[in-house]
Amino acid sequence: MRTLVVGDIHGKLTLFNRLLEAMNYQAGEDKLILIGDLVDRGEDSRGVVERAIALKSESPDTVVVLKGNHEAMMVSALTEPESEQAELWLYNGGVETLHSYVNSEGEFDVPEAHWQFMESLPTWHEDEYAIYVHAALPEEEGKFLHPSEVADSPELYWSRNRKFFSSYSGKTVIFGHTITGMLFGERERVWLRDSLIAVDTGAYLTGTLSGIEMPSRQVFSVSEAHEDGEDIIQGKAAGVKMKFWL
């Protein structure tokens, strides 16, 4: 069974659907992992959440949707709308999400199914190929912890630990959260090392959404710049230039 991992979608429903098509995703035959940050910044967060729920319902045993920091912010903000967390969420793309949830009567309306879905998202997943988290593995006394030891740690979906990016070694970890072009020098490209794969190519910012197939490490990207589909990039680790910025 292939494992297909999709980077941070951030409300870009059209790109998400195109990427699934580019990957030739087969429900029930492939495992599909969404690395988190379905919502905020893009124009159709509601549509992305609806699509993720449908995919999970169709193949509950082979679709995994991880919690990103934006799902965590959204749930917290809607639970306590007067809190600092709510202000932080609005400043970081929550306004666009609010707009996507305005109904035909002009009222803000998050369906109960969406609310329950986002509240229930796990922080990590593991299969024979890799460990999957939204952001990074927590560090304690110079050691990177397996997520099973710290499943409730916000570091799993918030951290940007440069030491993790530069010195982690062990079972491959696939993560999003940090846009590859901002820290790793690989603009609009998946960043690959032996033990780390970063799949957030900044869909809301660059117009490029990416994913990776395991265990082949085949990379897939779709771009708003070429909506006819000709932009689909399929490469292997050997074909990707690796560079790290400290």
Protein backbone atom coordinates (compact mmCIF):
# COMPACT_ATOMS: atom_id res chain seq x y z
CA MET A 1 0.00 0.00 0.00
CA ARG A 2 1.25 3.45 -0.90
CA THR A 3 1.20 6.21 1.69
CA LEU A 4 0.38 9.60 0.17
CA VAL A 5 1.14 12.66 2.29
CA VAL A 6 -0.37 16.08 1.51
CA GLY A 7 1.24 19.28 2.79
CA ASP A 8 -0.47 22.26 4.43
CA ILE A 9 -3.61 23.02 2.36
CA HIS A 10 -4.73 26.28 4.04
CA GLY A 11 -8.13 26.57 2.40
CA LYS A 12 -6.94 25.90 -1.16
CA LEU A 13 -9.63 23.38 -2.12
CA THR A 14 -9.02 23.46 -5.87
CA LEU A 15 -5.32 22.73 -5.43
CA PHE A 16 -6.14 19.95 -2.97
CA ASN A 17 -8.46 18.23 -5.43
CA ARG A 18 -5.93 18.62 -8.23
CA LEU A 19 -3.15 17.16 -6.09
CA LEU A 20 -5.24 14.09 -5.22
CA GLU A 21 -5.83 13.64 -8.95
CA ALA A 22 -2.13 14.09 -9.74
CA MET A 23 -1.25 11.47 -7.14
CA ASN A 24 -3.88 9.13 -8.61
CA TYR A 25 -5.24 8.61 -5.10
CA GLN A 26 -7.30 5.43 -4.84
CA ALA A 27 -9.64 5.35 -1.85
CA GLY A 28 -9.20 2.21 0.24
CA GLU A 29 -6.13 1.14 -1.72
CA ASP A 30 -3.81 3.99 -0.71
CA LYS A 31 -3.23 5.44 2.73
CA LEU A 32 -3.80 9.19 2.66
CA ILE A 33 -2.29 11.48 5.31
CA LEU A 34 -3.12 15.18 5.54
CA ILE A 35 -0.32 16.78 7.53
CA GLY A 36 -2.52 19.47 9.15
CA ASP A 37 -3.41 23.13 8.58
CA LEU A 38 -6.46 22.49 6.46
CA VAL A 39 -7.84 25.89 7.38
CA ASP A 40 -7.02 29.63 7.34
CA ARG A 41 -5.52 32.06 4.86
CA GLY A 42 -6.97 30.48 1.72
CA GLU A 43 -10.42 31.19 0.32
CA ASP A 44 -12.29 27.95 1.09
CA SER A 45 -11.42 26.48 4.46
CA ARG A 46 -14.96 25.21 4.88
CA GLY A 47 -14.72 23.34 1.58
CA VAL A 48 -11.39 21.77 2.54
CA VAL A 49 -12.74 20.57 5.89
CA GLU A 50 -15.84 19.20 4.16
CA ARG A 51 -13.65 17.34 1.66
CA ALA A 52 -11.42 15.94 4.41
CA ILE A 53 -14.45 14.69 6.35
CA ALA A 54 -15.80 13.02 3.20
CA LEU A 55 -12.47 11.33 2.49
CA LYS A 56 -12.24 10.08 6.07
CA SER A 57 -15.83 8.82 5.99
CA GLU A 58 -15.21 7.00 2.72
CA SER A 59 -12.06 5.23 3.97
CA PRO A 60 -11.90 5.52 7.77
CA ASP A 61 -9.09 3.00 8.14
CA THR A 62 -6.79 4.48 5.50
CA VAL A 63 -7.26 8.25 5.80
CA VAL A 64 -5.43 10.14 8.56
CA VAL A 65 -5.92 13.85 9.17
CA LEU A 66 -3.46 15.38 11.63
CA LYS A 67 -3.97 18.41 13.84
CA GLY A 68 -2.11 21.52 12.74
CA ASN A 69 -1.58 24.66 14.75
CA HIS A 70 -4.30 26.39 12.73
CA GLU A 71 -6.91 23.79 13.67
CA ALA A 72 -5.79 24.16 17.29
CA MET A 73 -6.08 27.96 17.09
CA MET A 74 -9.49 27.79 15.44
CA VAL A 75 -10.97 25.44 18.02
CA SER A 76 -9.52 27.50 20.87
CA ALA A 77 -10.72 30.78 19.36
CA LEU A 78 -14.27 29.58 18.83
CA THR A 79 -14.37 28.12 22.33
CA GLU A 80 -13.19 31.40 23.89
CA PRO A 81 -13.89 34.18 21.37
CA GLU A 82 -12.69 36.94 23.71
CA SER A 83 -9.31 35.34 24.38
CA GLU A 84 -5.86 36.33 23.13
CA GLN A 85 -5.84 33.04 21.22
CA ALA A 86 -8.87 34.23 19.24
CA GLU A 87 -7.06 37.43 18.33
CA LEU A 88 -4.01 35.41 17.28
CA TRP A 89 -6.18 33.19 15.09
CA LEU A 90 -7.88 36.10 13.36
CA TYR A 91 -4.52 37.72 12.68
CA ASN A 92 -3.17 34.48 11.17
CA GLY A 93 -5.84 33.73 8.60
CA GLY A 94 -8.89 33.22 10.76
CA VAL A 95 -10.74 36.07 9.05
CA GLU A 96 -10.68 34.21 5.73
CA THR A 97 -11.96 31.10 7.49
CA LEU A 98 -14.78 33.05 9.11
CA HIS A 99 -15.84 34.32 5.70
CA SER A 100 -15.95 30.78 4.31
CA TYR A 101 -18.35 29.77 7.10
CA VAL A 102 -20.85 32.58 6.52
CA ASN A 103 -24.15 31.09 5.34
CA SER A 104 -26.70 32.47 2.89
CA GLU A 105 -28.33 34.49 5.68
CA GLY A 106 -25.04 36.20 6.43
CA GLU A 107 -24.56 34.30 9.68
CA PHE A 108 -21.38 32.58 10.85
CA ASP A 109 -22.16 28.86 10.99
CA VAL A 110 -19.73 26.03 11.70
CA PRO A 111 -21.54 22.69 11.29
CA GLU A 112 -21.39 20.43 14.33
CA ALA A 113 -19.70 17.76 12.23
CA HIS A 114 -16.86 20.16 11.36
CA TRP A 115 -16.46 21.17 14.99
CA GLN A 116 -16.28 17.58 16.22
CA PHE A 117 -13.92 16.64 13.42
CA MET A 118 -11.39 19.37 14.23
CA GLU A 119 -11.59 18.70 17.96
CA SER A 120 -10.84 15.00 17.43
CA LEU A 121 -7.77 15.26 15.19
CA PRO A 122 -4.72 13.28 16.33
CA THR A 123 -1.30 14.92 16.70
CA TRP A 124 0.74 12.16 15.07
CA HIS A 125 0.71 8.97 13.06
CA GLU A 126 3.25 6.26 12.27
CA ASP A 127 3.50 3.47 9.74
CA GLU A 128 6.30 1.29 8.43
CA TYR A 129 7.66 4.14 6.32
CA ALA A 130 7.74 7.18 8.61
CA ILE A 131 6.50 9.16 11.59
CA TYR A 132 4.09 11.94 10.63
CA VAL A 133 3.56 15.15 12.64
CA HIS A 134 2.52 18.65 11.69
CA ALA A 135 5.58 20.51 12.97
CA ALA A 136 8.41 18.62 14.68
CA LEU A 137 9.32 16.17 17.42
CA PRO A 138 9.68 17.62 20.94
CA GLU A 139 13.16 17.70 22.42
CA GLU A 140 14.07 16.84 26.01
CA GLU A 141 17.60 16.80 27.44
CA GLY A 142 19.11 16.68 23.97
CA LYS A 143 16.90 13.82 22.82
CA PHE A 144 14.03 13.96 20.35
CA LEU A 145 11.01 12.20 21.80
CA HIS A 146 8.77 9.77 19.99
CA PRO A 147 5.33 11.37 19.72
CA SER A 148 3.76 8.46 21.60
CA GLU A 149 5.58 9.76 24.69
CA VAL A 150 4.20 13.30 24.35
CA ALA A 151 1.02 12.98 22.28
CA ASP A 152 -0.53 16.06 23.89
CA SER A 153 2.50 18.30 23.43
CA PRO A 154 1.80 21.48 21.42
CA GLU A 155 5.34 21.18 20.07
CA LEU A 156 4.07 18.47 17.72
CA TYR A 157 2.05 21.11 15.86
CA TRP A 158 3.76 24.39 16.82
CA SER A 159 7.53 23.86 16.99
CA ARG A 160 10.16 25.26 14.64
CA ASN A 161 13.23 23.81 16.32
CA ARG A 162 16.28 24.44 14.14
CA LYS A 163 18.18 21.76 16.02
CA PHE A 164 15.54 19.25 14.93
CA PHE A 165 15.87 20.37 11.32
CA SER A 166 19.68 20.24 11.36
CA SER A 167 20.58 17.28 13.56
CA TYR A 168 17.69 14.83 13.87
CA SER A 169 18.53 11.30 12.77
CA GLY A 170 16.39 8.23 13.10
CA LYS A 171 13.22 6.96 11.50
CA THR A 172 12.04 9.33 8.79
CA VAL A 173 9.80 12.13 10.03
CA ILE A 174 7.49 13.84 7.55
CA PHE A 175 6.18 17.24 8.60
CA GLY A 176 4.65 20.49 7.40
CA HIS A 177 4.18 23.83 9.24
CA THR A 178 7.43 25.43 8.08
CA ILE A 179 7.31 26.62 4.46
CA THR A 180 10.28 25.07 2.71
CA GLY A 181 11.31 28.22 0.85
CA MET A 182 11.44 30.29 4.03
CA LEU A 183 13.85 28.15 6.02
CA PHE A 184 15.31 25.42 3.85
CA GLY A 185 15.98 27.40 0.68
CA GLU A 186 13.81 25.19 -1.52
CA ARG A 187 11.10 27.54 -2.75
CA GLU A 188 7.97 25.68 -3.86
CA ARG A 189 9.78 22.34 -3.52
CA VAL A 190 9.55 19.51 -1.02
CA TRP A 191 12.70 19.38 1.14
CA LEU A 192 14.22 15.92 1.51
CA ARG A 193 16.91 14.48 3.75
CA ASP A 194 17.51 10.89 4.83
CA SER A 195 15.55 11.33 8.06
CA LEU A 196 13.41 14.42 7.39
CA ILE A 197 10.92 15.43 4.71
CA ALA A 198 9.24 18.85 4.77
CA VAL A 199 6.12 19.04 2.60
CA ASP A 200 4.74 22.55 3.20
CA THR A 201 5.41 24.50 0.00
CA GLY A 202 3.23 27.43 1.09
CA ALA A 203 0.07 26.85 -0.94
CA TYR A 204 -1.61 30.04 0.29
CA LEU A 205 1.50 32.11 -0.40
CA THR A 206 3.16 30.52 -3.44
CA GLY A 207 0.13 28.93 -5.08
CA THR A 208 1.90 25.56 -4.99
CA LEU A 209 0.61 22.57 -3.02
CA SER A 210 2.82 19.52 -2.71
CA GLY A 211 2.79 15.98 -1.44
CA ILE A 212 4.92 12.88 -1.39
CA GLU A 213 4.41 9.18 -1.98
CA MET A 214 6.04 6.68 0.38
CA PRO A 215 8.07 4.57 0.25
CA SER A 216 9.17 5.70 -3.22
CA ARG A 217 9.68 9.35 -2.15
CA GLN A 218 8.02 10.43 -5.37
CA VAL A 219 7.13 14.13 -5.13
CA PHE A 220 3.98 15.68 -6.57
CA SER A 221 3.20 19.40 -6.88
CA VAL A 222 0.40 21.39 -8.46
CA SER A 223 0.39 25.12 -9.01
CA GLU A 224 -2.19 27.84 -9.52
CA ALA A 225 0.15 29.27 -12.17
CA HIS A 226 -0.80 26.43 -14.52
CA GLU A 227 -4.37 25.43 -13.92
CA ASP A 228 -4.41 23.23 -17.01
CA GLY A 229 -2.48 20.63 -15.02
CA GLU A 230 0.71 20.83 -17.04
CA ASP A 231 2.58 22.00 -13.96
CA ILE A 232 2.51 18.61 -12.20
CA ILE A 233 6.04 17.87 -11.01
CA GLN A 234 7.02 14.33 -10.20
CA GLY A 235 10.52 13.78 -8.91
CA LYS A 236 12.53 11.53 -6.65
CA ALA A 237 14.89 12.35 -3.82
CA ALA A 238 17.85 11.94 -6.13
CA GLY A 239 16.48 14.63 -8.39
CA VAL A 240 15.95 17.25 -5.71
CA LYS A 241 18.77 19.60 -4.77
CA MET A 242 19.15 19.68 -1.00
CA LYS A 243 20.23 22.82 0.83
CA PHE A 244 19.89 23.89 4.46
CA TRP A 245 19.84 27.41 5.86
CA LEU A 246 20.90 27.85 9.51
